[in-house]
Amino acid sequence: MIKKGDKVKVLTGKDKKKDGEIIEIDRRNNRAKVKGINIVKKHVKTTKEKKGGIISKENFINISNLSLFEKTKNKKSENKKEAKK
């Protein structure tokens, strides 16, 4: 199972054979955001708080198009193993 923080490799699409770290997961729609992958340009309107313009950001990619590259280590399980020793 893919989790936030795992490193994945893209299997298909415009970013094929690239790898990155998962930023966000939408389990309901089977999608994930990967750092530096599937970059899209978004036009943002100027408001009082934010300056407008064209920004680049990551967009969701289907989980079926990702392959687990490297798992992140769970901190809780590591602490339990150290306590047992």
PDB file of N, CA and C in Angstrom:
ATOM      1  N   MET A   1       0.844  -1.183   0.000  1.00  0.00           N
ATOM      2  CA  MET A   1       0.000   0.000   0.000  1.00  0.00           C
ATOM      3  C   MET A   1       0.888   1.244   0.000  1.00  0.00           C
ATOM      4  N   ILE A   2       0.518   2.184  -0.820  1.00  0.00           N
ATOM      5  CA  ILE A   2       1.268   3.429  -0.948  1.00  0.00           C
ATOM      6  C   ILE A   2       0.796   4.412   0.121  1.00  0.00           C
ATOM      7  N   LYS A   3       1.751   5.072   0.771  1.00  0.00           N
ATOM      8  CA  LYS A   3       1.449   6.039   1.820  1.00  0.00           C
ATOM      9  C   LYS A   3       2.134   7.365   1.525  1.00  0.00           C
ATOM     10  N   LYS A   4       1.717   8.390   2.250  1.00  0.00           N
ATOM     11  CA  LYS A   4       2.342   9.701   2.142  1.00  0.00           C
ATOM     12  C   LYS A   4       3.803   9.591   2.581  1.00  0.00           C
ATOM     13  N   GLY A   5       4.711  10.157   1.785  1.00  0.00           N
ATOM     14  CA  GLY A   5       6.124  10.114   2.111  1.00  0.00           C
ATOM     15  C   GLY A   5       6.888   9.025   1.383  1.00  0.00           C
ATOM     16  N   ASP A   6       6.189   8.042   0.799  1.00  0.00           N
ATOM     17  CA  ASP A   6       6.853   6.978   0.041  1.00  0.00           C
ATOM     18  C   ASP A   6       7.414   7.533  -1.259  1.00  0.00           C
ATOM     19  N   LYS A   7       8.492   6.926  -1.735  1.00  0.00           N
ATOM     20  CA  LYS A   7       9.039   7.292  -3.034  1.00  0.00           C
ATOM     21  C   LYS A   7       8.437   6.359  -4.068  1.00  0.00           C
ATOM     22  N   VAL A   8       7.962   6.933  -5.170  1.00  0.00           N
ATOM     23  CA  VAL A   8       7.322   6.151  -6.224  1.00  0.00           C
ATOM     24  C   VAL A   8       7.926   6.497  -7.579  1.00  0.00           C
ATOM     25  N   LYS A   9       7.722   5.581  -8.530  1.00  0.00           N
ATOM     26  CA  LYS A   9       8.175   5.778  -9.898  1.00  0.00           C
ATOM     27  C   LYS A   9       6.946   5.809 -10.789  1.00  0.00           C
ATOM     28  N   VAL A  10       6.917   6.733 -11.766  1.00  0.00           N
ATOM     29  CA  VAL A  10       5.778   6.871 -12.668  1.00  0.00           C
ATOM     30  C   VAL A  10       5.937   5.869 -13.811  1.00  0.00           C
ATOM     31  N   LEU A  11       4.873   5.111 -14.085  1.00  0.00           N
ATOM     32  CA  LEU A  11       4.908   4.072 -15.112  1.00  0.00           C
ATOM     33  C   LEU A  11       4.432   4.562 -16.481  1.00  0.00           C
ATOM     34  N   THR A  12       3.456   5.473 -16.512  1.00  0.00           N
ATOM     35  CA  THR A  12       2.910   5.940 -17.790  1.00  0.00           C
ATOM     36  C   THR A  12       2.699   7.445 -17.751  1.00  0.00           C
ATOM     37  N   GLY A  13       2.485   8.017 -18.934  1.00  0.00           N
ATOM     38  CA  GLY A  13       2.176   9.438 -19.040  1.00  0.00           C
ATOM     39  C   GLY A  13       3.370  10.279 -19.440  1.00  0.00           C
ATOM     40  N   LYS A  14       3.196  11.599 -19.357  1.00  0.00           N
ATOM     41  CA  LYS A  14       4.243  12.524 -19.802  1.00  0.00           C
ATOM     42  C   LYS A  14       5.476  12.496 -18.902  1.00  0.00           C
ATOM     43  N   ASP A  15       5.327  12.038 -17.663  1.00  0.00           N
ATOM     44  CA  ASP A  15       6.447  11.977 -16.719  1.00  0.00           C
ATOM     45  C   ASP A  15       6.939  10.547 -16.507  1.00  0.00           C
ATOM     46  N   LYS A  16       6.800   9.711 -17.519  1.00  0.00           N
ATOM     47  CA  LYS A  16       7.201   8.303 -17.435  1.00  0.00           C
ATOM     48  C   LYS A  16       8.672   8.164 -17.036  1.00  0.00           C
ATOM     49  N   LYS A  17       8.951   7.202 -16.173  1.00  0.00           N
ATOM     50  CA  LYS A  17      10.294   6.847 -15.674  1.00  0.00           C
ATOM     51  C   LYS A  17      10.868   7.864 -14.687  1.00  0.00           C
ATOM     52  N   LYS A  18      10.097   8.866 -14.282  1.00  0.00           N
ATOM     53  CA  LYS A  18      10.555   9.810 -13.264  1.00  0.00           C
ATOM     54  C   LYS A  18      10.121   9.294 -11.902  1.00  0.00           C
ATOM     55  N   ASP A  19      10.825   9.734 -10.865  1.00  0.00           N
ATOM     56  CA  ASP A  19      10.417   9.330  -9.523  1.00  0.00           C
ATOM     57  C   ASP A  19      10.301  10.557  -8.617  1.00  0.00           C
ATOM     58  N   GLY A  20       9.535  10.381  -7.549  1.00  0.00           N
ATOM     59  CA  GLY A  20       9.315  11.471  -6.608  1.00  0.00           C
ATOM     60  C   GLY A  20       8.645  10.974  -5.345  1.00  0.00           C
ATOM     61  N   GLU A  21       8.439  11.877  -4.427  1.00  0.00           N
ATOM     62  CA  GLU A  21       7.850  11.553  -3.126  1.00  0.00           C
ATOM     63  C   GLU A  21       6.378  11.946  -3.105  1.00  0.00           C
ATOM     64  N   ILE A  22       5.551  11.107  -2.499  1.00  0.00           N
ATOM     65  CA  ILE A  22       4.120  11.375  -2.422  1.00  0.00           C
ATOM     66  C   ILE A  22       3.861  12.486  -1.406  1.00  0.00           C
ATOM     67  N   ILE A  23       3.124  13.514  -1.848  1.00  0.00           N
ATOM     68  CA  ILE A  23       2.786  14.659  -1.010  1.00  0.00           C
ATOM     69  C   ILE A  23       1.411  14.470  -0.377  1.00  0.00           C
ATOM     70  N   GLU A  24       0.467  13.991  -1.179  1.00  0.00           N
ATOM     71  CA  GLU A  24      -0.927  13.908  -0.746  1.00  0.00           C
ATOM     72  C   GLU A  24      -1.593  12.720  -1.437  1.00  0.00           C
ATOM     73  N   ILE A  25      -2.539  12.075  -0.739  1.00  0.00           N
ATOM     74  CA  ILE A  25      -3.260  10.941  -1.312  1.00  0.00           C
ATOM     75  C   ILE A  25      -4.762  11.175  -1.186  1.00  0.00           C
ATOM     76  N   ASP A  26      -5.480  10.867  -2.268  1.00  0.00           N
ATOM     77  CA  ASP A  26      -6.941  10.906  -2.280  1.00  0.00           C
ATOM     78  C   ASP A  26      -7.412   9.469  -2.503  1.00  0.00           C
ATOM     79  N   ARG A  27      -7.604   8.740  -1.414  1.00  0.00           N
ATOM     80  CA  ARG A  27      -7.968   7.322  -1.496  1.00  0.00           C
ATOM     81  C   ARG A  27      -9.329   7.095  -2.135  1.00  0.00           C
ATOM     82  N   ARG A  28     -10.242   8.017  -1.919  1.00  0.00           N
ATOM     83  CA  ARG A  28     -11.598   7.874  -2.459  1.00  0.00           C
ATOM     84  C   ARG A  28     -11.593   7.781  -3.989  1.00  0.00           C
ATOM     85  N   ASN A  29     -10.723   8.572  -4.621  1.00  0.00           N
ATOM     86  CA  ASN A  29     -10.633   8.594  -6.086  1.00  0.00           C
ATOM     87  C   ASN A  29      -9.401   7.870  -6.621  1.00  0.00           C
ATOM     88  N   ASN A  30      -8.648   7.179  -5.751  1.00  0.00           N
ATOM     89  CA  ASN A  30      -7.430   6.439  -6.133  1.00  0.00           C
ATOM     90  C   ASN A  30      -6.423   7.333  -6.846  1.00  0.00           C
ATOM     91  N   ARG A  31      -6.143   8.488  -6.247  1.00  0.00           N
ATOM     92  CA  ARG A  31      -5.205   9.423  -6.848  1.00  0.00           C
ATOM     93  C   ARG A  31      -4.188   9.892  -5.821  1.00  0.00           C
ATOM     94  N   ALA A  32      -3.030  10.339  -6.311  1.00  0.00           N
ATOM     95  CA  ALA A  32      -1.974  10.826  -5.427  1.00  0.00           C
ATOM     96  C   ALA A  32      -1.242  11.988  -6.098  1.00  0.00           C
ATOM     97  N   LYS A  33      -0.725  12.903  -5.269  1.00  0.00           N
ATOM     98  CA  LYS A  33       0.125  13.991  -5.755  1.00  0.00           C
ATOM     99  C   LYS A  33       1.560  13.599  -5.469  1.00  0.00           C
ATOM    100  N   VAL A  34       2.407  13.717  -6.480  1.00  0.00           N
ATOM    101  CA  VAL A  34       3.816  13.373  -6.343  1.00  0.00           C
ATOM    102  C   VAL A  34       4.637  14.633  -6.574  1.00  0.00           C
ATOM    103  N   LYS A  35       5.619  14.865  -5.695  1.00  0.00           N
ATOM    104  CA  LYS A  35       6.451  16.068  -5.757  1.00  0.00           C
ATOM    105  C   LYS A  35       7.223  16.115  -7.086  1.00  0.00           C
ATOM    106  N   GLY A  36       7.018  17.182  -7.847  1.00  0.00           N
ATOM    107  CA  GLY A  36       7.740  17.390  -9.095  1.00  0.00           C
ATOM    108  C   GLY A  36       7.176  16.637 -10.292  1.00  0.00           C
ATOM    109  N   ILE A  37       6.050  15.962 -10.133  1.00  0.00           N
ATOM    110  CA  ILE A  37       5.460  15.168 -11.214  1.00  0.00           C
ATOM    111  C   ILE A  37       4.093  15.759 -11.572  1.00  0.00           C
ATOM    112  N   ASN A  38       3.735  15.702 -12.856  1.00  0.00           N
ATOM    113  CA  ASN A  38       2.446  16.166 -13.375  1.00  0.00           C
ATOM    114  C   ASN A  38       2.211  17.633 -13.014  1.00  0.00           C
ATOM    115  N   ILE A  39       3.178  18.478 -13.374  1.00  0.00           N
ATOM    116  CA  ILE A  39       3.102  19.910 -13.099  1.00  0.00           C
ATOM    117  C   ILE A  39       2.130  20.557 -14.082  1.00  0.00           C
ATOM    118  N   VAL A  40       1.186  21.357 -13.542  1.00  0.00           N
ATOM    119  CA  VAL A  40       0.225  22.082 -14.369  1.00  0.00           C
ATOM    120  C   VAL A  40       0.308  23.568 -14.035  1.00  0.00           C
ATOM    121  N   LYS A  41      -0.082  24.395 -14.987  1.00  0.00           N
ATOM    122  CA  LYS A  41      -0.112  25.843 -14.779  1.00  0.00           C
ATOM    123  C   LYS A  41      -1.535  26.230 -14.393  1.00  0.00           C
ATOM    124  N   LYS A  42      -1.662  27.036 -13.352  1.00  0.00           N
ATOM    125  CA  LYS A  42      -2.970  27.468 -12.877  1.00  0.00           C
ATOM    126  C   LYS A  42      -3.012  28.994 -12.845  1.00  0.00           C
ATOM    127  N   HIS A  43      -4.062  29.568 -13.426  1.00  0.00           N
ATOM    128  CA  HIS A  43      -4.243  31.010 -13.426  1.00  0.00           C
ATOM    129  C   HIS A  43      -4.964  31.402 -12.144  1.00  0.00           C
ATOM    130  N   VAL A  44      -4.346  32.288 -11.361  1.00  0.00           N
ATOM    131  CA  VAL A  44      -4.900  32.703 -10.071  1.00  0.00           C
ATOM    132  C   VAL A  44      -5.263  34.180 -10.128  1.00  0.00           C
ATOM    133  N   LYS A  45      -6.472  34.479  -9.678  1.00  0.00           N
ATOM    134  CA  LYS A  45      -6.946  35.851  -9.658  1.00  0.00           C
ATOM    135  C   LYS A  45      -6.366  36.585  -8.449  1.00  0.00           C
ATOM    136  N   THR A  46      -6.064  37.857  -8.609  1.00  0.00           N
ATOM    137  CA  THR A  46      -5.522  38.671  -7.522  1.00  0.00           C
ATOM    138  C   THR A  46      -6.592  38.927  -6.459  1.00  0.00           C
ATOM    139  N   THR A  47      -6.198  38.763  -5.202  1.00  0.00           N
ATOM    140  CA  THR A  47      -7.073  39.082  -4.072  1.00  0.00           C
ATOM    141  C   THR A  47      -6.323  40.035  -3.145  1.00  0.00           C
ATOM    142  N   LYS A  48      -6.953  40.415  -2.041  1.00  0.00           N
ATOM    143  CA  LYS A  48      -6.286  41.302  -1.082  1.00  0.00           C
ATOM    144  C   LYS A  48      -5.094  40.618  -0.434  1.00  0.00           C
ATOM    145  N   GLU A  49      -5.194  39.316  -0.193  1.00  0.00           N
ATOM    146  CA  GLU A  49      -4.127  38.579   0.481  1.00  0.00           C
ATOM    147  C   GLU A  49      -3.047  38.067  -0.474  1.00  0.00           C
ATOM    148  N   LYS A  50      -3.454  37.635  -1.671  1.00  0.00           N
ATOM    149  CA  LYS A  50      -2.516  36.990  -2.586  1.00  0.00           C
ATOM    150  C   LYS A  50      -2.373  37.764  -3.885  1.00  0.00           C
ATOM    151  N   LYS A  51      -1.172  37.689  -4.426  1.00  0.00           N
ATOM    152  CA  LYS A  51      -0.906  38.263  -5.735  1.00  0.00           C
ATOM    153  C   LYS A  51      -1.328  37.249  -6.796  1.00  0.00           C
ATOM    154  N   GLY A  52      -1.927  37.705  -7.848  1.00  0.00           N
ATOM    155  CA  GLY A  52      -2.393  36.821  -8.911  1.00  0.00           C
ATOM    156  C   GLY A  52      -1.286  36.483  -9.888  1.00  0.00           C
ATOM    157  N   GLY A  53      -1.636  35.724 -10.900  1.00  0.00           N
ATOM    158  CA  GLY A  53      -0.695  35.360 -11.938  1.00  0.00           C
ATOM    159  C   GLY A  53      -0.818  33.891 -12.286  1.00  0.00           C
ATOM    160  N   ILE A  54       0.170  33.385 -12.975  1.00  0.00           N
ATOM    161  CA  ILE A  54       0.184  31.978 -13.375  1.00  0.00           C
ATOM    162  C   ILE A  54       1.154  31.243 -12.459  1.00  0.00           C
ATOM    163  N   ILE A  55       0.640  30.247 -11.742  1.00  0.00           N
ATOM    164  CA  ILE A  55       1.501  29.462 -10.851  1.00  0.00           C
ATOM    165  C   ILE A  55       1.578  28.021 -11.350  1.00  0.00           C
ATOM    166  N   SER A  56       2.684  27.373 -11.066  1.00  0.00           N
ATOM    167  CA  SER A  56       2.849  25.961 -11.405  1.00  0.00           C
ATOM    168  C   SER A  56       2.697  25.143 -10.134  1.00  0.00           C
ATOM    169  N   LYS A  57       1.934  24.050 -10.231  1.00  0.00           N
ATOM    170  CA  LYS A  57       1.763  23.191  -9.072  1.00  0.00           C
ATOM    171  C   LYS A  57       1.536  21.759  -9.522  1.00  0.00           C
ATOM    172  N   GLU A  58       1.703  20.820  -8.577  1.00  0.00           N
ATOM    173  CA  GLU A  58       1.500  19.417  -8.885  1.00  0.00           C
ATOM    174  C   GLU A  58       0.007  19.120  -8.944  1.00  0.00           C
ATOM    175  N   ASN A  59      -0.363  18.228  -9.847  1.00  0.00           N
ATOM    176  CA  ASN A  59      -1.735  17.785  -9.943  1.00  0.00           C
ATOM    177  C   ASN A  59      -1.783  16.298  -9.611  1.00  0.00           C
ATOM    178  N   PHE A  60      -2.982  15.784  -9.342  1.00  0.00           N
ATOM    179  CA  PHE A  60      -3.130  14.378  -8.982  1.00  0.00           C
ATOM    180  C   PHE A  60      -2.818  13.465 -10.166  1.00  0.00           C
ATOM    181  N   ILE A  61      -2.330  12.267  -9.854  1.00  0.00           N
ATOM    182  CA  ILE A  61      -2.068  11.226 -10.846  1.00  0.00           C
ATOM    183  C   ILE A  61      -2.670   9.943 -10.294  1.00  0.00           C
ATOM    184  N   ASN A  62      -3.185   9.093 -11.161  1.00  0.00           N
ATOM    185  CA  ASN A  62      -3.833   7.867 -10.727  1.00  0.00           C
ATOM    186  C   ASN A  62      -2.811   6.927 -10.083  1.00  0.00           C
ATOM    187  N   ILE A  63      -3.202   6.290  -8.980  1.00  0.00           N
ATOM    188  CA  ILE A  63      -2.303   5.400  -8.235  1.00  0.00           C
ATOM    189  C   ILE A  63      -1.875   4.211  -9.084  1.00  0.00           C
ATOM    190  N   SER A  64      -2.729   3.783 -10.023  1.00  0.00           N
ATOM    191  CA  SER A  64      -2.383   2.638 -10.877  1.00  0.00           C
ATOM    192  C   SER A  64      -1.209   2.950 -11.801  1.00  0.00           C
ATOM    193  N   ASN A  65      -0.900   4.228 -11.992  1.00  0.00           N
ATOM    194  CA  ASN A  65       0.223   4.637 -12.841  1.00  0.00           C
ATOM    195  C   ASN A  65       1.512   4.819 -12.049  1.00  0.00           C
ATOM    196  N   LEU A  66       1.502   4.445 -10.766  1.00  0.00           N
ATOM    197  CA  LEU A  66       2.664   4.591  -9.894  1.00  0.00           C
ATOM    198  C   LEU A  66       3.141   3.232  -9.421  1.00  0.00           C
ATOM    199  N   SER A  67       4.439   3.120  -9.214  1.00  0.00           N
ATOM    200  CA  SER A  67       5.031   1.906  -8.672  1.00  0.00           C
ATOM    201  C   SER A  67       5.870   2.287  -7.456  1.00  0.00           C
ATOM    202  N   LEU A  68       5.738   1.516  -6.380  1.00  0.00           N
ATOM    203  CA  LEU A  68       6.474   1.804  -5.156  1.00  0.00           C
ATOM    204  C   LEU A  68       7.965   1.634  -5.408  1.00  0.00           C
ATOM    205  N   PHE A  69       8.722   2.693  -5.116  1.00  0.00           N
ATOM    206  CA  PHE A  69      10.157   2.735  -5.391  1.00  0.00           C
ATOM    207  C   PHE A  69      10.936   2.485  -4.104  1.00  0.00           C
ATOM    208  N   GLU A  70      10.525   3.174  -3.032  1.00  0.00           N
ATOM    209  CA  GLU A  70      11.197   3.059  -1.746  1.00  0.00           C
ATOM    210  C   GLU A  70      10.205   3.403  -0.647  1.00  0.00           C
ATOM    211  N   LYS A  71      10.069   2.506   0.330  1.00  0.00           N
ATOM    212  CA  LYS A  71       9.134   2.748   1.431  1.00  0.00           C
ATOM    213  C   LYS A  71       9.780   3.620   2.488  1.00  0.00           C
ATOM    214  N   THR A  72       8.956   4.438   3.139  1.00  0.00           N
ATOM    215  CA  THR A  72       9.446   5.205   4.272  1.00  0.00           C
ATOM    216  C   THR A  72       9.341   4.334   5.513  1.00  0.00           C
ATOM    217  N   LYS A  73      10.229   4.537   6.441  1.00  0.00           N
ATOM    218  CA  LYS A  73      10.220   3.741   7.660  1.00  0.00           C
ATOM    219  C   LYS A  73       9.262   4.350   8.659  1.00  0.00           C
ATOM    220  N   ASN A  74       8.495   3.500   9.300  1.00  0.00           N
ATOM    221  CA  ASN A  74       7.522   3.951  10.286  1.00  0.00           C
ATOM    222  C   ASN A  74       8.243   4.239  11.600  1.00  0.00           C
ATOM    223  N   LYS A  75       8.137   5.434  12.105  1.00  0.00           N
ATOM    224  CA  LYS A  75       8.842   5.825  13.327  1.00  0.00           C
ATOM    225  C   LYS A  75       8.338   5.070  14.544  1.00  0.00           C
ATOM    226  N   LYS A  76       7.034   4.794  14.610  1.00  0.00           N
ATOM    227  CA  LYS A  76       6.462   4.100  15.762  1.00  0.00           C
ATOM    228  C   LYS A  76       6.988   2.676  15.878  1.00  0.00           C
ATOM    229  N   SER A  77       7.056   1.953  14.751  1.00  0.00           N
ATOM    230  CA  SER A  77       7.526   0.578  14.795  1.00  0.00           C
ATOM    231  C   SER A  77       9.019   0.510  15.139  1.00  0.00           C
ATOM    232  N   GLU A  78       9.798   1.515  14.693  1.00  0.00           N
ATOM    233  CA  GLU A  78      11.228   1.552  15.023  1.00  0.00           C
ATOM    234  C   GLU A  78      11.432   1.755  16.518  1.00  0.00           C
ATOM    235  N   ASN A  79      10.619   2.635  17.117  1.00  0.00           N
ATOM    236  CA  ASN A  79      10.742   2.893  18.558  1.00  0.00           C
ATOM    237  C   ASN A  79      10.387   1.667  19.364  1.00  0.00           C
ATOM    238  N   LYS A  80       9.412   0.888  18.935  1.00  0.00           N
ATOM    239  CA  LYS A  80       9.016  -0.327  19.636  1.00  0.00           C
ATOM    240  C   LYS A  80      10.140  -1.365  19.577  1.00  0.00           C
ATOM    241  N   LYS A  81      10.792  -1.474  18.416  1.00  0.00           N
ATOM    242  CA  LYS A  81      11.880  -2.442  18.262  1.00  0.00           C
ATOM    243  C   LYS A  81      13.060  -2.079  19.172  1.00  0.00           C
ATOM    244  N   GLU A  82      13.356  -0.786  19.254  1.00  0.00           N
ATOM    245  CA  GLU A  82      14.456  -0.340  20.123  1.00  0.00           C
ATOM    246  C   GLU A  82      14.144  -0.555  21.584  1.00  0.00           C
ATOM    247  N   ALA A  83      12.894  -0.390  21.979  1.00  0.00           N
ATOM    248  CA  ALA A  83      12.487  -0.573  23.379  1.00  0.00           C
ATOM    249  C   ALA A  83      12.588  -2.036  23.800  1.00  0.00           C
ATOM    250  N   LYS A  84      12.356  -2.964  22.873  1.00  0.00           N
ATOM    251  CA  LYS A  84      12.404  -4.394  23.169  1.00  0.00           C
ATOM    252  C   LYS A  84      13.834  -4.867  23.424  1.00  0.00           C
ATOM    253  N   LYS A  85      14.816  -4.207  22.799  1.00  0.00           N
ATOM    254  CA  LYS A  85      16.221  -4.607  22.934  1.00  0.00           C
ATOM    255  C   LYS A  85      16.721  -4.286  24.282  1.00  0.00           C
TER     256      LYS A  85
END
